Protein backbone atom coordinates (compact mmCIF):
# COMPACT_ATOMS: atom_id res chain seq x y z
CA MET A 1 -29.39 29.42 -4.14
CA SER A 2 -27.64 26.76 -6.24
CA THR A 3 -24.27 28.56 -5.91
CA LEU A 4 -24.66 28.81 -2.14
CA LYS A 5 -25.53 25.11 -1.94
CA ASP A 6 -22.48 24.13 -4.01
CA SER A 7 -20.17 26.28 -1.88
CA LEU A 8 -21.58 24.80 1.31
CA THR A 9 -21.14 21.27 -0.05
CA GLN A 10 -17.51 21.93 -1.00
CA TYR A 11 -16.83 23.40 2.44
CA LEU A 12 -18.33 20.36 4.17
CA MET A 13 -16.29 17.97 2.01
CA LYS A 14 -13.06 19.78 2.90
CA LEU A 15 -14.01 19.77 6.59
CA ILE A 16 -14.79 16.04 6.53
CA THR A 17 -11.49 15.29 4.78
CA ILE A 18 -9.48 17.14 7.43
CA ARG A 19 -11.45 15.47 10.24
CA LEU A 20 -10.89 11.99 8.80
CA ILE A 21 -7.15 12.52 8.56
CA SER A 22 -7.04 14.02 12.05
CA LEU A 23 -8.97 11.02 13.41
CA THR A 24 -6.41 8.64 11.93
CA VAL A 25 -3.56 10.59 13.54
CA ILE A 26 -5.29 10.49 16.94
CA MET A 27 -5.92 6.74 16.64
CA SER A 28 -2.29 6.02 15.82
CA SER A 29 -0.99 8.03 18.77
CA SER A 30 -3.45 6.62 21.30
CA ILE A 31 -2.78 2.91 20.82
CA ALA A 32 -0.25 1.67 23.36
CA ILE A 33 -0.36 -2.07 22.71
CA SER A 34 2.64 -3.69 21.03
CA PHE A 35 2.14 -4.93 17.47
CA GLY A 36 4.34 -6.27 14.62
CA GLN A 37 4.66 -6.38 10.85
CA GLN A 38 5.46 -8.85 8.09
CA ASP A 39 3.77 -7.25 5.07
CA ALA A 40 5.96 -5.19 2.78
CA MET A 41 5.85 -1.43 3.26
CA PHE A 42 5.64 1.14 0.47
CA THR A 43 6.14 4.89 0.46
CA HIS A 44 3.82 5.01 -2.58
CA TYR A 45 1.02 3.33 -0.61
CA LEU A 46 -1.40 6.03 -1.84
CA PHE A 47 -0.89 4.76 -5.41
CA ASN A 48 -0.96 1.10 -4.38
CA MET A 49 -4.08 0.72 -2.25
CA LEU A 50 -5.21 -2.52 -3.91
CA ASN A 51 -2.22 -4.27 -2.32
CA SER A 52 -3.85 -3.95 1.13
CA ASN A 53 -7.53 -3.32 0.37
CA PRO A 54 -9.49 -5.48 -2.11
CA ALA A 55 -12.44 -3.06 -2.00
CA TYR A 56 -10.30 -0.56 -3.96
CA ALA A 57 -10.64 -2.71 -7.10
CA GLY A 58 -12.43 -0.84 -9.88
CA SER A 59 -12.47 2.48 -8.03
CA ARG A 60 -10.69 4.26 -10.90
CA ASP A 61 -13.33 3.11 -13.46
CA VAL A 62 -10.64 1.98 -15.93
CA LEU A 63 -8.15 -0.82 -16.34
CA SER A 64 -5.35 0.32 -14.02
CA VAL A 65 -1.94 -1.37 -13.75
CA VAL A 66 0.57 -0.37 -11.05
CA ALA A 67 4.15 -1.65 -10.74
CA LEU A 68 6.36 -0.87 -7.74
CA SER A 69 9.97 -1.67 -6.98
CA ARG A 70 11.50 -0.87 -3.58
CA SER A 71 15.11 -1.20 -2.42
CA GLN A 72 15.28 -0.57 1.31
CA TRP A 73 18.20 0.45 3.52
CA GLY A 74 20.88 0.90 0.88
CA GLY A 75 24.29 -0.29 2.07
CA VAL A 76 22.85 -2.74 4.62
CA GLU A 77 23.56 -6.37 3.74
CA GLY A 78 20.44 -8.49 3.32
CA ALA A 79 18.14 -5.43 3.30
CA PRO A 80 14.55 -5.83 2.01
CA ARG A 81 13.91 -5.82 -1.74
CA THR A 82 10.31 -5.80 -2.90
CA GLN A 83 8.60 -5.89 -6.29
CA THR A 84 4.85 -5.87 -6.76
CA ILE A 85 2.40 -5.49 -9.60
CA SER A 86 -1.35 -5.04 -9.42
CA LEU A 87 -4.13 -4.56 -11.92
CA HIS A 88 -7.83 -3.96 -11.52
CA SER A 89 -10.82 -2.95 -13.60
CA PRO A 90 -14.62 -2.84 -13.57
CA MET A 91 -16.13 -5.97 -15.09
CA PHE A 92 -19.49 -6.18 -16.79
CA SER A 93 -20.88 -3.27 -14.80
CA LYS A 94 -19.55 -0.44 -12.63
CA SER A 95 -20.79 -2.27 -9.54
CA LEU A 96 -18.63 -5.38 -9.89
CA SER A 97 -14.85 -5.18 -10.29
CA ALA A 98 -11.91 -7.56 -10.21
CA GLY A 99 -8.20 -7.25 -9.54
CA LEU A 100 -4.97 -9.20 -9.26
CA THR A 101 -1.98 -8.49 -7.01
CA MET A 102 1.40 -10.24 -7.05
CA CYS A 103 4.32 -9.52 -4.73
CA LEU A 104 7.87 -10.77 -4.27
CA ASP A 105 9.44 -9.75 -0.94
CA LYS A 106 13.07 -10.66 -0.15
CA ILE A 107 14.87 -10.05 3.15
CA GLY A 108 18.31 -11.61 3.48
CA PRO A 109 18.03 -15.31 2.59
CA THR A 110 14.24 -15.31 2.98
CA GLN A 111 11.73 -14.87 0.18
CA LEU A 112 7.94 -14.53 0.41
CA THR A 113 5.96 -14.84 -2.81
CA SER A 114 2.26 -14.01 -2.83
CA SER A 115 -0.47 -13.88 -5.43
CA ASN A 116 -4.03 -12.72 -4.72
CA PHE A 117 -7.25 -12.31 -6.66
CA ASP A 118 -9.47 -9.38 -5.63
CA ILE A 119 -13.15 -8.80 -6.24
CA SER A 120 -15.26 -5.86 -5.08
CA TYR A 121 -18.83 -4.69 -5.20
CA ARG A 122 -19.64 -0.95 -5.23
CA THR A 123 -22.91 0.76 -4.50
CA LYS A 124 -23.88 4.42 -4.59
CA ILE A 125 -24.72 6.00 -1.23
CA SER A 126 -25.27 9.50 -2.68
CA SER A 127 -25.07 11.30 -6.00
CA LYS A 128 -21.27 11.43 -5.72
CA GLY A 129 -20.31 8.89 -3.06
CA THR A 130 -19.77 5.13 -3.33
CA LEU A 131 -19.23 2.40 -0.76
CA ALA A 132 -17.38 -0.75 -1.79
CA PHE A 133 -16.89 -4.14 -0.17
CA GLY A 134 -14.08 -6.41 -1.30
CA ILE A 135 -12.71 -9.92 -0.84
CA LYS A 136 -9.12 -11.05 -1.42
CA ALA A 137 -8.20 -14.70 -2.01
CA GLY A 138 -4.82 -16.16 -2.88
CA ALA A 139 -1.75 -18.01 -1.71
CA ASN A 140 1.67 -17.39 -0.14
CA PHE A 141 4.91 -19.35 -0.48
CA TYR A 142 7.88 -18.94 1.86
CA ASN A 143 11.49 -19.93 1.18
CA ILE A 144 14.84 -19.56 2.98
CA ASP A 145 17.99 -20.03 0.90
CA LEU A 146 20.57 -21.01 3.51
CA ASN A 147 23.16 -21.66 0.81
CA SER A 148 23.37 -17.91 0.21
CA LEU A 149 24.67 -17.25 3.73
CA ASP A 150 28.36 -16.62 4.40
CA LEU A 151 29.02 -18.90 7.38
CA THR A 152 31.92 -18.83 9.82
CA THR A 153 31.72 -22.62 10.09
CA GLN A 154 31.06 -23.95 6.61
CA ALA A 155 30.17 -27.47 7.80
CA ASP A 156 27.50 -26.33 10.28
CA PRO A 157 24.72 -28.98 9.99
CA SER A 158 22.10 -26.44 11.09
CA PHE A 159 22.51 -24.69 7.74
CA SER A 160 22.90 -27.77 5.54
CA ASN A 161 19.37 -27.66 4.12
CA ASN A 162 17.18 -24.92 2.75
CA PHE A 163 13.78 -24.15 4.21
CA THR A 164 10.68 -24.30 2.05
CA SER A 165 7.01 -24.08 2.90
CA ASN A 166 3.85 -25.44 1.43
CA LEU A 167 1.43 -23.09 -0.26
CA ALA A 168 -0.55 -21.22 2.39
CA LEU A 169 -4.00 -20.14 1.26
CA ASN A 170 -5.04 -16.60 2.06
CA LEU A 171 -8.37 -14.84 2.57
CA GLY A 172 -8.85 -11.11 3.20
CA ALA A 173 -11.58 -8.46 3.19
CA GLY A 174 -11.98 -4.71 3.12
CA THR A 175 -14.30 -1.76 2.65
CA PHE A 176 -13.70 1.52 0.82
CA LEU A 177 -15.74 4.74 1.02
CA GLN A 178 -15.03 7.19 -1.81
CA PHE A 179 -16.13 10.69 -2.74
CA PRO A 180 -14.62 12.98 -5.40
CA LYS A 181 -12.71 14.90 -2.72
CA PHE A 182 -11.83 12.28 -0.11
CA TYR A 183 -11.74 8.58 0.74
CA VAL A 184 -11.41 6.28 3.75
CA GLY A 185 -10.94 2.52 3.86
CA PHE A 186 -10.47 -0.31 6.34
CA SER A 187 -9.14 -3.76 5.49
CA VAL A 188 -7.69 -7.02 6.77
CA PRO A 189 -5.83 -8.39 3.73
CA ARG A 190 -4.84 -11.61 5.54
CA ILE A 191 -7.46 -12.97 7.93
CA ASN A 192 -6.13 -16.50 8.40
CA GLN A 193 -2.78 -16.67 10.20
CA ASN A 194 -1.16 -19.55 8.34
CA ASN A 195 1.66 -21.62 9.72
CA LEU A 196 4.26 -21.89 6.96
CA ASN A 197 4.86 -25.61 7.47
CA GLN A 198 8.32 -26.54 6.38
CA SER A 199 8.62 -29.45 3.99
CA SER A 200 12.37 -30.07 4.15
CA ILE A 201 13.15 -30.31 7.88
CA ALA A 202 10.28 -31.42 10.08
CA SER A 203 12.10 -30.65 13.33
CA ARG A 204 12.07 -26.91 12.66
CA SER A 205 9.16 -24.60 12.08
CA LEU A 206 8.82 -21.48 9.98
CA PRO A 207 7.05 -18.38 11.31
CA SER A 208 3.32 -17.85 11.11
CA LEU A 209 1.95 -15.15 8.85
CA GLN A 210 0.39 -12.54 11.11
CA ARG A 211 -2.93 -10.78 10.61
CA HIS A 212 -2.64 -7.10 9.63
CA TYR A 213 -5.20 -4.32 10.01
CA TYR A 214 -5.10 -1.27 7.73
CA LEU A 215 -6.86 2.08 7.96
CA ILE A 216 -6.29 4.42 5.00
CA SER A 217 -7.66 7.89 4.36
CA GLY A 218 -6.92 10.92 2.23
CA GLY A 219 -8.32 13.76 0.20
CA ILE A 220 -7.70 16.51 -2.31
CA LEU A 221 -7.95 20.23 -1.58
CA LYS A 222 -7.81 22.79 -4.39
CA ILE A 223 -5.57 25.72 -3.38
CA SER A 224 -5.87 27.48 -6.74
CA ASN A 225 -6.66 26.70 -10.36
CA ARG A 226 -3.13 25.40 -10.79
CA LEU A 227 -2.23 24.00 -7.38
CA ALA A 228 -3.79 21.21 -5.32
CA PHE A 229 -2.91 19.69 -1.94
CA ARG A 230 -3.25 15.93 -1.43
CA PRO A 231 -2.87 14.67 2.15
CA SER A 232 -3.09 10.95 2.92
CA SER A 233 -2.52 8.60 5.84
CA HIS A 234 -1.89 4.90 6.31
CA LEU A 235 -2.21 3.05 9.63
CA LYS A 236 -1.00 -0.55 9.98
CA ILE A 237 -1.53 -2.68 13.08
CA THR A 238 -0.47 -6.27 13.73
CA LEU A 239 0.42 -8.36 16.75
CA GLY A 240 4.11 -8.33 17.70
CA ALA A 241 5.56 -4.87 16.86
CA PRO A 242 4.79 -1.16 17.17
CA VAL A 243 1.88 0.41 15.33
CA GLN A 244 3.08 1.90 12.05
CA PHE A 245 1.62 5.18 10.85
CA ASP A 246 2.47 6.94 7.58
CA PHE A 247 1.42 10.47 6.75
CA THR A 248 2.07 11.99 3.33
CA SER A 249 1.53 15.49 1.94
CA LEU A 250 1.73 16.13 -1.80
CA LEU A 251 1.47 19.36 -3.81
CA ILE A 252 0.23 18.88 -7.37
CA LEU A 253 0.97 21.54 -10.00
CA ASP A 254 -1.19 21.81 -13.14
CA ASP A 255 -2.26 18.16 -12.66
CA PHE A 256 1.13 17.34 -14.20
CA VAL A 257 3.88 17.20 -11.59
CA TRP A 258 3.77 16.51 -7.87
CA ALA A 259 6.19 16.64 -4.96
CA GLY A 260 5.87 16.14 -1.24
CA ALA A 261 7.05 14.52 1.96
CA MET A 262 6.26 11.43 4.01
CA ILE A 263 6.86 10.56 7.66
CA ARG A 264 6.66 6.98 8.96
CA SER A 265 6.36 6.61 12.73
CA GLY A 266 9.49 5.25 14.37
CA ASP A 267 11.15 4.52 11.06
CA ALA A 268 11.68 7.03 8.27
CA LEU A 269 11.30 10.35 6.52
CA GLY A 270 10.81 10.48 2.78
CA LEU A 271 10.55 12.73 -0.26
CA LEU A 272 8.32 11.95 -3.24
CA ILE A 273 8.32 13.34 -6.76
CA GLY A 274 6.35 12.31 -9.82
CA LEU A 275 4.64 13.38 -12.99
CA ASN A 276 1.83 12.51 -15.34
CA ILE A 277 3.72 11.61 -18.48
CA SER A 278 0.38 11.40 -20.29
CA LYS A 279 -3.27 10.98 -19.36
CA GLN A 280 -2.61 7.25 -19.15
CA LEU A 281 0.92 7.01 -17.74
CA GLN A 282 2.23 8.16 -14.34
CA PHE A 283 5.71 7.88 -12.86
CA GLY A 284 6.80 8.35 -9.25
CA TYR A 285 10.01 8.14 -7.24
CA SER A 286 10.66 8.33 -3.51
CA TYR A 287 13.78 8.57 -1.37
CA ASP A 288 13.60 7.62 2.31
CA TRP A 289 15.95 8.21 5.21
CA SER A 290 15.50 5.65 7.96
CA PHE A 291 16.15 6.73 11.55
CA GLY A 292 15.08 3.32 12.90
CA LEU A 293 18.53 1.78 12.37
CA GLY A 294 20.34 4.13 14.75
CA LEU A 295 22.44 7.24 14.16
CA ASP A 296 25.57 5.22 13.39
CA LYS A 297 23.93 3.79 10.24
CA LEU A 298 21.93 6.83 9.19
CA SER A 299 24.31 7.66 6.35
CA LYS A 300 23.72 4.21 4.82
CA SER A 301 20.05 3.74 5.60
CA ASN A 302 18.44 5.21 2.49
CA SER A 303 15.67 3.55 0.50
CA HIS A 304 14.64 4.00 -3.12
CA GLU A 305 11.23 3.28 -4.58
CA PHE A 306 9.92 3.53 -8.14
CA MET A 307 6.27 3.55 -9.19
CA LEU A 308 4.73 3.26 -12.64
CA ARG A 309 0.98 3.33 -13.33
CA TYR A 310 -0.62 2.77 -16.72
CA GLU A 311 -4.34 3.06 -17.37
CA LEU A 312 -6.32 1.96 -20.38
CA PHE A 313 -9.71 3.47 -21.06
CA SER A 314 -12.04 3.61 -24.05
CA LYS A 315 -11.52 6.49 -26.47
CA LYS A 316 -15.28 7.00 -26.38
CA LYS A 317 -15.15 7.62 -22.63
CA ARG A 318 -14.39 11.23 -21.75
CA ILE A 319 -12.35 11.93 -18.64
CA ARG A 320 -13.80 15.19 -17.32
CA SER A 321 -11.55 15.55 -14.28
CA PRO A 322 -8.21 14.10 -13.10
CA ARG A 323 -8.30 10.95 -10.99
CA TYR A 324 -6.42 11.70 -7.80
CA PHE A 325 -7.22 8.38 -6.09
């Protein structure tokens, strides 16, 4: 009876995982309103969920540090360059966790620097499932270095001063539902749409930071004792540009090396590879081809991304199974 119950439970978990991912795909294809994006994008979003969802803090039950570096659209002048680092850990109990995320995003002469503190509270909803609620609080700073531009008319008064903004406070929230075999989360990492008031030239205004909505989901399916399949999806919605949907499929061999592919709606295709250097250290690399720049620039529109995750846990604490997410 116990074996039959376990088999039925595993079957239901796999079915729910597939349904959750399918639901996200349907949602992304059914929304016809125009939206737009300012937040940095990452192909390794499945390893960097704290960046968009504060409820993810502490979900790995250890001190986890993730560093990402992305160089987008190689060969295109002024293309985006993004570096981010995040860390999170349970605090005094498994229920309460804290995290910190910092990001530097450069596009042409513009630079957006952000730093956010994350806190989450987790509660058990079953013997294996947890539901977390998180809050993100921090600040953003925007800068435009006009002196870095190569102007046709060097004495143009419109480009005589740089643009700087005051610190814009940020508040975000999210929720994260997690089981051993799948997860789903919804978040709004920036609720308040701050105007980046310029301090140097009062007659001109900098753009407002737009509110973003994220829906993430994924799971792990064991194909054999050595091979596992990890699908994941990432939906981003914001006012002013098309909905962005990422879907990634990874194959994991011997819980040591992984490889897979990613597709980003209206923008790019990507390949991912990575390995578990040790139980504490993971490395990942992705290569994207962007088809959003047009066929004439396809040969130059590649993007590179590097991911490094280090986790510190007590030697007394035994890790019985790999942490996939």
